[in-house]
Amino acid sequence: MCRLAPDCLSAVQRRVSCRGSIQVAGQRIQVGIGHADTTVDVHTTDATWRIHLDDELLLEVPRTSGKPVARSKVRKPEPPRRPIKPKYLPVRQSTATRNS
């Protein structure tokens, strides 16, 4: 159960995108671009989502999705496993071919 509200069913974490939105249970919620790249806590009740940042309530949004919450812990994006190879390399011309 949640420590902030007695009627809270569960709490999950989400990372705010660079455009200022999160997605919980298939529902996209606009938090605000000022909160981009931060991790927020989303507390669920039967009818609402409560978005908290550092124990401060940012907003309360009506719940329109009946889907269950899939993930509870947020992960940072992983770097690519293999280095990205360029499609082509510029060819250096030798000084002999430039002057002729």
Protein backbone atom coordinates (compact mmCIF):
# COMPACT_ATOMS: atom_id res chain seq x y z
CA MET A 1 0.00 0.00 0.00
CA CYS A 2 0.98 3.61 -0.41
CA ARG A 3 2.39 5.68 2.39
CA LEU A 4 0.92 8.97 1.14
CA ALA A 5 -2.77 8.15 0.82
CA PRO A 6 -4.88 5.56 2.64
CA ASP A 7 -7.10 4.90 -0.42
CA CYS A 8 -4.12 4.21 -2.71
CA LEU A 9 -4.11 0.72 -4.25
CA SER A 10 -0.53 0.65 -5.53
CA ALA A 11 2.37 2.88 -6.45
CA VAL A 12 4.55 2.70 -9.56
CA GLN A 13 7.43 4.75 -10.90
CA ARG A 14 7.61 6.30 -14.34
CA ARG A 15 10.28 8.37 -16.07
CA VAL A 16 8.96 11.54 -17.70
CA SER A 17 9.84 11.66 -21.39
CA CYS A 18 11.71 14.50 -23.06
CA ARG A 19 8.29 15.80 -24.19
CA GLY A 20 6.88 15.79 -20.66
CA SER A 21 4.57 12.78 -20.69
CA ILE A 22 4.30 9.37 -19.03
CA GLN A 23 2.26 6.29 -19.83
CA VAL A 24 0.58 4.10 -17.23
CA ALA A 25 -1.67 1.14 -18.08
CA GLY A 26 -2.07 2.33 -21.66
CA GLN A 27 -3.09 5.85 -20.65
CA ARG A 28 -0.82 8.72 -21.66
CA ILE A 29 -0.59 11.49 -19.06
CA GLN A 30 0.96 14.89 -19.76
CA VAL A 31 3.01 15.89 -16.71
CA GLY A 32 4.74 18.92 -18.21
CA ILE A 33 7.91 19.56 -20.15
CA GLY A 34 9.46 21.21 -17.10
CA HIS A 35 9.59 17.76 -15.47
CA ALA A 36 11.30 16.04 -18.42
CA ASP A 37 13.83 13.31 -17.57
CA THR A 38 12.72 13.05 -13.94
CA THR A 39 11.30 10.01 -12.17
CA VAL A 40 7.81 10.44 -10.72
CA ASP A 41 5.73 8.21 -8.45
CA VAL A 42 2.26 7.34 -9.73
CA HIS A 43 -0.25 6.31 -7.05
CA THR A 44 -3.33 4.49 -8.28
CA THR A 45 -6.83 4.53 -6.88
CA ASP A 46 -10.03 3.16 -8.38
CA ALA A 47 -10.82 6.36 -10.25
CA THR A 48 -7.66 8.51 -10.38
CA TRP A 49 -3.91 8.62 -10.94
CA ARG A 50 -1.94 10.81 -8.53
CA ILE A 51 1.48 11.89 -9.81
CA HIS A 52 4.03 12.80 -7.12
CA LEU A 53 7.54 14.21 -7.40
CA ASP A 54 9.57 14.05 -4.17
CA ASP A 55 6.43 13.65 -2.00
CA GLU A 56 4.80 16.68 -3.67
CA LEU A 57 1.54 16.16 -5.53
CA LEU A 58 1.98 17.41 -9.10
CA LEU A 59 -1.41 16.49 -10.52
CA GLU A 60 -4.39 14.20 -10.17
CA VAL A 61 -5.85 12.76 -13.36
CA PRO A 62 -9.05 10.74 -13.85
CA ARG A 63 -8.38 7.12 -14.73
CA THR A 64 -9.85 6.24 -18.13
CA SER A 65 -8.13 2.90 -18.65
CA GLY A 66 -9.21 -0.31 -16.96
CA LYS A 67 -5.97 -2.13 -17.84
CA PRO A 68 -3.72 -3.39 -15.05
CA VAL A 69 -0.36 -1.72 -14.46
CA ALA A 70 2.36 -3.77 -16.14
CA ARG A 71 5.63 -2.53 -14.61
CA SER A 72 6.21 -0.98 -11.24
CA LYS A 73 9.89 0.02 -11.33
CA VAL A 74 11.34 2.45 -13.83
CA ARG A 75 14.53 1.74 -15.80
CA LYS A 76 16.87 4.16 -17.48
CA PRO A 77 17.38 3.70 -21.22
CA GLU A 78 20.20 1.30 -22.01
CA PRO A 79 23.05 2.20 -24.38
CA PRO A 80 23.25 0.24 -27.64
CA ARG A 81 24.96 -3.12 -27.31
CA ARG A 82 27.12 -2.75 -30.41
CA PRO A 83 28.74 0.49 -31.53
CA ILE A 84 26.99 2.03 -34.49
CA LYS A 85 29.09 1.73 -37.63
CA PRO A 86 28.94 4.53 -40.18
CA LYS A 87 27.44 3.57 -43.53
CA TYR A 88 30.40 4.94 -45.43
CA LEU A 89 33.77 6.38 -44.64
CA PRO A 90 35.05 9.45 -46.49
CA VAL A 91 37.85 8.57 -48.86
CA ARG A 92 41.02 10.56 -48.38
CA GLN A 93 42.66 11.59 -51.57
CA SER A 94 46.40 11.41 -51.75
CA THR A 95 48.35 14.51 -52.75
CA ALA A 96 49.36 12.85 -56.04
CA THR A 97 45.76 12.57 -57.25
CA ARG A 98 44.82 16.09 -56.16
CA ASN A 99 47.53 17.83 -58.16
CA SER A 100 47.09 15.93 -61.41
